[in-house]
Structures are given as structure tokens and as C-alpha cells.
Amino acid sequence: MGKVRTTLVKRTARKLLEMYPEAFTGNFEHNKKVVSQLLEYRSKKLRNQIAGYITHLINRAKKREARKTD
């Protein structure tokens, strides 16, 4: 079983995606830089968790779109 993401991580990631949808991609390293510019968290772990969840959501949406077009 995988690790559980906290509500703070999920809520923050969804809010950032809603506010800045064009800023994020399916690349974790890019998303990590964008999250660090947009938020003022001091914790690297929290920044990485938020960036990872955003990457996960974007990649999942891309797969869903690919299935619709097939």
C-alpha cells in the first residue's frame, strides 16, 4: 500500500491547480520549482509532497484524456 497524503497537501495542491492551471506540467522537478515560488512553506518535505500530488493529478488527467480519444 502507498503512503497516505494529508488533507493539507491535497487541498493546497488542488487550490494551486485551480488558480494556476497553466503553470504546472507532468514534470515533478518543474512543479517543485513553481510550488516553491508560489508558496512560502519552510519545509522541503511539504513542498515536495504538494508538487508530487500536483504531478500525480496532471498525469492522471492526461491518461483520462488519452482514453477518451482512443
PDB file of N, CA and C in Angstrom:
ATOM      1  N   MET A   1       0.822  -1.168   0.000  1.00  0.00           N
ATOM      2  CA  MET A   1       0.000   0.000   0.000  1.00  0.00           C
ATOM      3  C   MET A   1       0.880   1.250   0.000  1.00  0.00           C
ATOM      4  N   GLY A   2       0.393   2.296  -0.627  1.00  0.00           N
ATOM      5  CA  GLY A   2       1.162   3.531  -0.711  1.00  0.00           C
ATOM      6  C   GLY A   2       0.985   4.409   0.515  1.00  0.00           C
ATOM      7  N   LYS A   3       1.690   5.503   0.507  1.00  0.00           N
ATOM      8  CA  LYS A   3       1.583   6.447   1.618  1.00  0.00           C
ATOM      9  C   LYS A   3       0.319   7.286   1.463  1.00  0.00           C
ATOM     10  N   VAL A   4      -0.225   7.698   2.589  1.00  0.00           N
ATOM     11  CA  VAL A   4      -1.440   8.498   2.600  1.00  0.00           C
ATOM     12  C   VAL A   4      -1.059   9.971   2.579  1.00  0.00           C
ATOM     13  N   ARG A   5      -1.705  10.744   1.711  1.00  0.00           N
ATOM     14  CA  ARG A   5      -1.459  12.177   1.663  1.00  0.00           C
ATOM     15  C   ARG A   5      -2.434  12.887   2.588  1.00  0.00           C
ATOM     16  N   THR A   6      -1.941  13.869   3.301  1.00  0.00           N
ATOM     17  CA  THR A   6      -2.783  14.583   4.250  1.00  0.00           C
ATOM     18  C   THR A   6      -3.742  15.524   3.526  1.00  0.00           C
ATOM     19  N   THR A   7      -4.737  15.964   4.256  1.00  0.00           N
ATOM     20  CA  THR A   7      -5.725  16.878   3.695  1.00  0.00           C
ATOM     21  C   THR A   7      -5.080  18.200   3.299  1.00  0.00           C
ATOM     22  N   LEU A   8      -4.109  18.654   4.069  1.00  0.00           N
ATOM     23  CA  LEU A   8      -3.420  19.905   3.755  1.00  0.00           C
ATOM     24  C   LEU A   8      -2.753  19.828   2.386  1.00  0.00           C
ATOM     25  N   VAL A   9      -2.085  18.709   2.107  1.00  0.00           N
ATOM     26  CA  VAL A   9      -1.395  18.534   0.830  1.00  0.00           C
ATOM     27  C   VAL A   9      -2.400  18.527  -0.314  1.00  0.00           C
ATOM     28  N   LYS A  10      -3.454  17.754  -0.171  1.00  0.00           N
ATOM     29  CA  LYS A  10      -4.450  17.641  -1.240  1.00  0.00           C
ATOM     30  C   LYS A  10      -5.176  18.965  -1.480  1.00  0.00           C
ATOM     31  N   ARG A  11      -5.588  19.622  -0.408  1.00  0.00           N
ATOM     32  CA  ARG A  11      -6.323  20.881  -0.531  1.00  0.00           C
ATOM     33  C   ARG A  11      -5.455  21.955  -1.182  1.00  0.00           C
ATOM     34  N   THR A  12      -4.207  22.055  -0.739  1.00  0.00           N
ATOM     35  CA  THR A  12      -3.302  23.063  -1.284  1.00  0.00           C
ATOM     36  C   THR A  12      -2.997  22.789  -2.752  1.00  0.00           C
ATOM     37  N   ALA A  13      -2.756  21.533  -3.094  1.00  0.00           N
ATOM     38  CA  ALA A  13      -2.447  21.176  -4.483  1.00  0.00           C
ATOM     39  C   ALA A  13      -3.625  21.477  -5.404  1.00  0.00           C
ATOM     40  N   ARG A  14      -4.819  21.117  -4.986  1.00  0.00           N
ATOM     41  CA  ARG A  14      -5.997  21.379  -5.819  1.00  0.00           C
ATOM     42  C   ARG A  14      -6.243  22.869  -5.993  1.00  0.00           C
ATOM     43  N   LYS A  15      -6.019  23.633  -4.919  1.00  0.00           N
ATOM     44  CA  LYS A  15      -6.218  25.082  -4.995  1.00  0.00           C
ATOM     45  C   LYS A  15      -5.208  25.721  -5.947  1.00  0.00           C
ATOM     46  N   LEU A  16      -3.942  25.276  -5.867  1.00  0.00           N
ATOM     47  CA  LEU A  16      -2.925  25.810  -6.771  1.00  0.00           C
ATOM     48  C   LEU A  16      -3.240  25.457  -8.217  1.00  0.00           C
ATOM     49  N   LEU A  17      -3.692  24.230  -8.466  1.00  0.00           N
ATOM     50  CA  LEU A  17      -4.061  23.828  -9.829  1.00  0.00           C
ATOM     51  C   LEU A  17      -5.241  24.644 -10.348  1.00  0.00           C
ATOM     52  N   GLU A  18      -6.159  24.961  -9.464  1.00  0.00           N
ATOM     53  CA  GLU A  18      -7.316  25.755  -9.864  1.00  0.00           C
ATOM     54  C   GLU A  18      -6.904  27.192 -10.192  1.00  0.00           C
ATOM     55  N   MET A  19      -5.997  27.745  -9.387  1.00  0.00           N
ATOM     56  CA  MET A  19      -5.584  29.135  -9.574  1.00  0.00           C
ATOM     57  C   MET A  19      -4.582  29.315 -10.709  1.00  0.00           C
ATOM     58  N   TYR A  20      -3.671  28.359 -10.886  1.00  0.00           N
ATOM     59  CA  TYR A  20      -2.608  28.469 -11.891  1.00  0.00           C
ATOM     60  C   TYR A  20      -2.525  27.194 -12.737  1.00  0.00           C
ATOM     61  N   PRO A  21      -3.535  26.867 -13.529  1.00  0.00           N
ATOM     62  CA  PRO A  21      -3.507  25.600 -14.277  1.00  0.00           C
ATOM     63  C   PRO A  21      -2.418  25.546 -15.344  1.00  0.00           C
ATOM     64  N   GLU A  22      -2.047  26.695 -15.909  1.00  0.00           N
ATOM     65  CA  GLU A  22      -1.051  26.701 -16.980  1.00  0.00           C
ATOM     66  C   GLU A  22       0.374  26.641 -16.446  1.00  0.00           C
ATOM     67  N   ALA A  23       0.564  26.845 -15.147  1.00  0.00           N
ATOM     68  CA  ALA A  23       1.913  26.895 -14.578  1.00  0.00           C
ATOM     69  C   ALA A  23       2.504  25.510 -14.344  1.00  0.00           C
ATOM     70  N   PHE A  24       1.671  24.482 -14.252  1.00  0.00           N
ATOM     71  CA  PHE A  24       2.147  23.148 -13.876  1.00  0.00           C
ATOM     72  C   PHE A  24       2.168  22.202 -15.068  1.00  0.00           C
ATOM     73  N   THR A  25       3.095  21.228 -15.010  1.00  0.00           N
ATOM     74  CA  THR A  25       3.228  20.211 -16.050  1.00  0.00           C
ATOM     75  C   THR A  25       3.259  18.836 -15.385  1.00  0.00           C
ATOM     76  N   GLY A  26       3.522  17.819 -16.179  1.00  0.00           N
ATOM     77  CA  GLY A  26       3.647  16.468 -15.659  1.00  0.00           C
ATOM     78  C   GLY A  26       5.042  16.170 -15.137  1.00  0.00           C
ATOM     79  N   ASN A  27       5.906  17.178 -15.060  1.00  0.00           N
ATOM     80  CA  ASN A  27       7.288  17.008 -14.613  1.00  0.00           C
ATOM     81  C   ASN A  27       7.411  17.450 -13.157  1.00  0.00           C
ATOM     82  N   PHE A  28       7.838  16.543 -12.281  1.00  0.00           N
ATOM     83  CA  PHE A  28       7.939  16.830 -10.855  1.00  0.00           C
ATOM     84  C   PHE A  28       8.928  17.952 -10.565  1.00  0.00           C
ATOM     85  N   GLU A  29      10.090  17.942 -11.191  1.00  0.00           N
ATOM     86  CA  GLU A  29      11.114  18.955 -10.920  1.00  0.00           C
ATOM     87  C   GLU A  29      10.606  20.364 -11.260  1.00  0.00           C
ATOM     88  N   HIS A  30       9.910  20.480 -12.375  1.00  0.00           N
ATOM     89  CA  HIS A  30       9.335  21.780 -12.758  1.00  0.00           C
ATOM     90  C   HIS A  30       8.285  22.219 -11.737  1.00  0.00           C
ATOM     91  N   ASN A  31       7.415  21.295 -11.355  1.00  0.00           N
ATOM     92  CA  ASN A  31       6.359  21.613 -10.405  1.00  0.00           C
ATOM     93  C   ASN A  31       6.926  22.004  -9.043  1.00  0.00           C
ATOM     94  N   LYS A  32       8.029  21.381  -8.662  1.00  0.00           N
ATOM     95  CA  LYS A  32       8.666  21.697  -7.388  1.00  0.00           C
ATOM     96  C   LYS A  32       9.138  23.153  -7.370  1.00  0.00           C
ATOM     97  N   LYS A  33       9.709  23.606  -8.473  1.00  0.00           N
ATOM     98  CA  LYS A  33      10.171  24.991  -8.560  1.00  0.00           C
ATOM     99  C   LYS A  33       8.998  25.963  -8.521  1.00  0.00           C
ATOM    100  N   VAL A  34       7.932  25.622  -9.223  1.00  0.00           N
ATOM    101  CA  VAL A  34       6.759  26.503  -9.263  1.00  0.00           C
ATOM    102  C   VAL A  34       6.114  26.599  -7.879  1.00  0.00           C
ATOM    103  N   VAL A  35       5.989  25.471  -7.192  1.00  0.00           N
ATOM    104  CA  VAL A  35       5.389  25.473  -5.861  1.00  0.00           C
ATOM    105  C   VAL A  35       6.234  26.308  -4.901  1.00  0.00           C
ATOM    106  N   SER A  36       7.546  26.195  -4.996  1.00  0.00           N
ATOM    107  CA  SER A  36       8.399  26.967  -4.095  1.00  0.00           C
ATOM    108  C   SER A  36       8.288  28.468  -4.368  1.00  0.00           C
ATOM    109  N   GLN A  37       7.981  28.851  -5.605  1.00  0.00           N
ATOM    110  CA  GLN A  37       7.800  30.272  -5.923  1.00  0.00           C
ATOM    111  C   GLN A  37       6.442  30.784  -5.438  1.00  0.00           C
ATOM    112  N   LEU A  38       5.426  29.932  -5.493  1.00  0.00           N
ATOM    113  CA  LEU A  38       4.076  30.363  -5.152  1.00  0.00           C
ATOM    114  C   LEU A  38       3.784  30.321  -3.659  1.00  0.00           C
ATOM    115  N   LEU A  39       4.408  29.406  -2.940  1.00  0.00           N
ATOM    116  CA  LEU A  39       4.125  29.236  -1.521  1.00  0.00           C
ATOM    117  C   LEU A  39       5.326  29.618  -0.672  1.00  0.00           C
ATOM    118  N   GLU A  40       5.060  29.922   0.577  1.00  0.00           N
ATOM    119  CA  GLU A  40       6.131  30.302   1.482  1.00  0.00           C
ATOM    120  C   GLU A  40       6.327  29.272   2.591  1.00  0.00           C
ATOM    121  N   TYR A  41       6.182  27.991   2.276  1.00  0.00           N
ATOM    122  CA  TYR A  41       6.432  26.957   3.264  1.00  0.00           C
ATOM    123  C   TYR A  41       7.922  26.827   3.497  1.00  0.00           C
ATOM    124  N   ARG A  42       8.310  26.598   4.715  1.00  0.00           N
ATOM    125  CA  ARG A  42       9.723  26.418   5.037  1.00  0.00           C
ATOM    126  C   ARG A  42      10.152  24.964   4.888  1.00  0.00           C
ATOM    127  N   SER A  43       9.215  24.065   4.850  1.00  0.00           N
ATOM    128  CA  SER A  43       9.503  22.645   4.836  1.00  0.00           C
ATOM    129  C   SER A  43       9.677  22.123   3.406  1.00  0.00           C
ATOM    130  N   LYS A  44      10.818  21.525   3.144  1.00  0.00           N
ATOM    131  CA  LYS A  44      11.057  20.919   1.827  1.00  0.00           C
ATOM    132  C   LYS A  44      10.138  19.728   1.617  1.00  0.00           C
ATOM    133  N   LYS A  45       9.920  18.974   2.686  1.00  0.00           N
ATOM    134  CA  LYS A  45       9.083  17.780   2.587  1.00  0.00           C
ATOM    135  C   LYS A  45       7.666  18.141   2.153  1.00  0.00           C
ATOM    136  N   LEU A  46       7.108  19.167   2.754  1.00  0.00           N
ATOM    137  CA  LEU A  46       5.752  19.587   2.404  1.00  0.00           C
ATOM    138  C   LEU A  46       5.699  20.104   0.975  1.00  0.00           C
ATOM    139  N   ARG A  47       6.697  20.880   0.575  1.00  0.00           N
ATOM    140  CA  ARG A  47       6.767  21.384  -0.802  1.00  0.00           C
ATOM    141  C   ARG A  47       6.805  20.221  -1.784  1.00  0.00           C
ATOM    142  N   ASN A  48       7.628  19.219  -1.492  1.00  0.00           N
ATOM    143  CA  ASN A  48       7.750  18.066  -2.375  1.00  0.00           C
ATOM    144  C   ASN A  48       6.468  17.247  -2.415  1.00  0.00           C
ATOM    145  N   GLN A  49       5.780  17.124  -1.290  1.00  0.00           N
ATOM    146  CA  GLN A  49       4.521  16.380  -1.276  1.00  0.00           C
ATOM    147  C   GLN A  49       3.468  17.084  -2.127  1.00  0.00           C
ATOM    148  N   ILE A  50       3.403  18.392  -2.019  1.00  0.00           N
ATOM    149  CA  ILE A  50       2.429  19.152  -2.815  1.00  0.00           C
ATOM    150  C   ILE A  50       2.771  19.055  -4.297  1.00  0.00           C
ATOM    151  N   ALA A  51       4.044  19.213  -4.642  1.00  0.00           N
ATOM    152  CA  ALA A  51       4.458  19.122  -6.048  1.00  0.00           C
ATOM    153  C   ALA A  51       4.213  17.721  -6.593  1.00  0.00           C
ATOM    154  N   GLY A  52       4.466  16.705  -5.791  1.00  0.00           N
ATOM    155  CA  GLY A  52       4.229  15.325  -6.210  1.00  0.00           C
ATOM    156  C   GLY A  52       2.760  15.047  -6.450  1.00  0.00           C
ATOM    157  N   TYR A  53       1.902  15.566  -5.602  1.00  0.00           N
ATOM    158  CA  TYR A  53       0.466  15.348  -5.780  1.00  0.00           C
ATOM    159  C   TYR A  53      -0.047  16.089  -7.007  1.00  0.00           C
ATOM    160  N   ILE A  54       0.464  17.289  -7.251  1.00  0.00           N
ATOM    161  CA  ILE A  54       0.089  18.023  -8.461  1.00  0.00           C
ATOM    162  C   ILE A  54       0.509  17.241  -9.701  1.00  0.00           C
ATOM    163  N   THR A  55       1.722  16.700  -9.688  1.00  0.00           N
ATOM    164  CA  THR A  55       2.207  15.892 -10.810  1.00  0.00           C
ATOM    165  C   THR A  55       1.308  14.676 -11.013  1.00  0.00           C
ATOM    166  N   HIS A  56       0.933  14.046  -9.912  1.00  0.00           N
ATOM    167  CA  HIS A  56       0.051  12.878  -9.968  1.00  0.00           C
ATOM    168  C   HIS A  56      -1.299  13.247 -10.595  1.00  0.00           C
ATOM    169  N   LEU A  57      -1.874  14.365 -10.173  1.00  0.00           N
ATOM    170  CA  LEU A  57      -3.173  14.783 -10.702  1.00  0.00           C
ATOM    171  C   LEU A  57      -3.104  15.102 -12.195  1.00  0.00           C
ATOM    172  N   ILE A  58      -2.041  15.770 -12.609  1.00  0.00           N
ATOM    173  CA  ILE A  58      -1.903  16.135 -14.023  1.00  0.00           C
ATOM    174  C   ILE A  58      -1.718  14.888 -14.883  1.00  0.00           C
ATOM    175  N   ASN A  59      -0.864  13.977 -14.441  1.00  0.00           N
ATOM    176  CA  ASN A  59      -0.640  12.751 -15.217  1.00  0.00           C
ATOM    177  C   ASN A  59      -1.899  11.901 -15.279  1.00  0.00           C
ATOM    178  N   ARG A  60      -2.664  11.882 -14.198  1.00  0.00           N
ATOM    179  CA  ARG A  60      -3.915  11.121 -14.192  1.00  0.00           C
ATOM    180  C   ARG A  60      -4.921  11.736 -15.165  1.00  0.00           C
ATOM    181  N   ALA A  61      -4.966  13.056 -15.225  1.00  0.00           N
ATOM    182  CA  ALA A  61      -5.871  13.741 -16.158  1.00  0.00           C
ATOM    183  C   ALA A  61      -5.455  13.480 -17.602  1.00  0.00           C
ATOM    184  N   LYS A  62      -4.151  13.453 -17.856  1.00  0.00           N
ATOM    185  CA  LYS A  62      -3.667  13.164 -19.215  1.00  0.00           C
ATOM    186  C   LYS A  62      -4.050  11.762 -19.644  1.00  0.00           C
ATOM    187  N   LYS A  63      -3.932  10.790 -18.735  1.00  0.00           N
ATOM    188  CA  LYS A  63      -4.321   9.410 -19.058  1.00  0.00           C
ATOM    189  C   LYS A  63      -5.803   9.321 -19.343  1.00  0.00           C
ATOM    190  N   ARG A  64      -6.604  10.043 -18.556  1.00  0.00           N
ATOM    191  CA  ARG A  64      -8.044  10.035 -18.761  1.00  0.00           C
ATOM    192  C   ARG A  64      -8.401  10.609 -20.120  1.00  0.00           C
ATOM    193  N   GLU A  65      -7.737  11.673 -20.529  1.00  0.00           N
ATOM    194  CA  GLU A  65      -7.972  12.286 -21.848  1.00  0.00           C
ATOM    195  C   GLU A  65      -7.535  11.355 -22.973  1.00  0.00           C
ATOM    196  N   ALA A  66      -6.421  10.651 -22.769  1.00  0.00           N
ATOM    197  CA  ALA A  66      -5.943   9.721 -23.780  1.00  0.00           C
ATOM    198  C   ALA A  66      -6.927   8.583 -23.989  1.00  0.00           C
ATOM    199  N   ARG A  67      -7.556   8.128 -22.915  1.00  0.00           N
ATOM    200  CA  ARG A  67      -8.548   7.052 -23.029  1.00  0.00           C
ATOM    201  C   ARG A  67      -9.797   7.532 -23.768  1.00  0.00           C
ATOM    202  N   LYS A  68     -10.175   8.796 -23.557  1.00  0.00           N
ATOM    203  CA  LYS A  68     -11.362   9.323 -24.223  1.00  0.00           C
ATOM    204  C   LYS A  68     -11.160   9.418 -25.729  1.00  0.00           C
ATOM    205  N   THR A  69      -9.944   9.770 -26.154  1.00  0.00           N
ATOM    206  CA  THR A  69      -9.702   9.937 -27.582  1.00  0.00           C
ATOM    207  C   THR A  69      -9.516   8.618 -28.305  1.00  0.00           C
ATOM    208  N   ASP A  70      -9.177   7.561 -27.578  1.00  0.00           N
ATOM    209  CA  ASP A  70      -8.978   6.246 -28.228  1.00  0.00           C
ATOM    210  C   ASP A  70     -10.267   5.567 -28.569  1.00  0.00           C
TER     211      ASP A  70
END
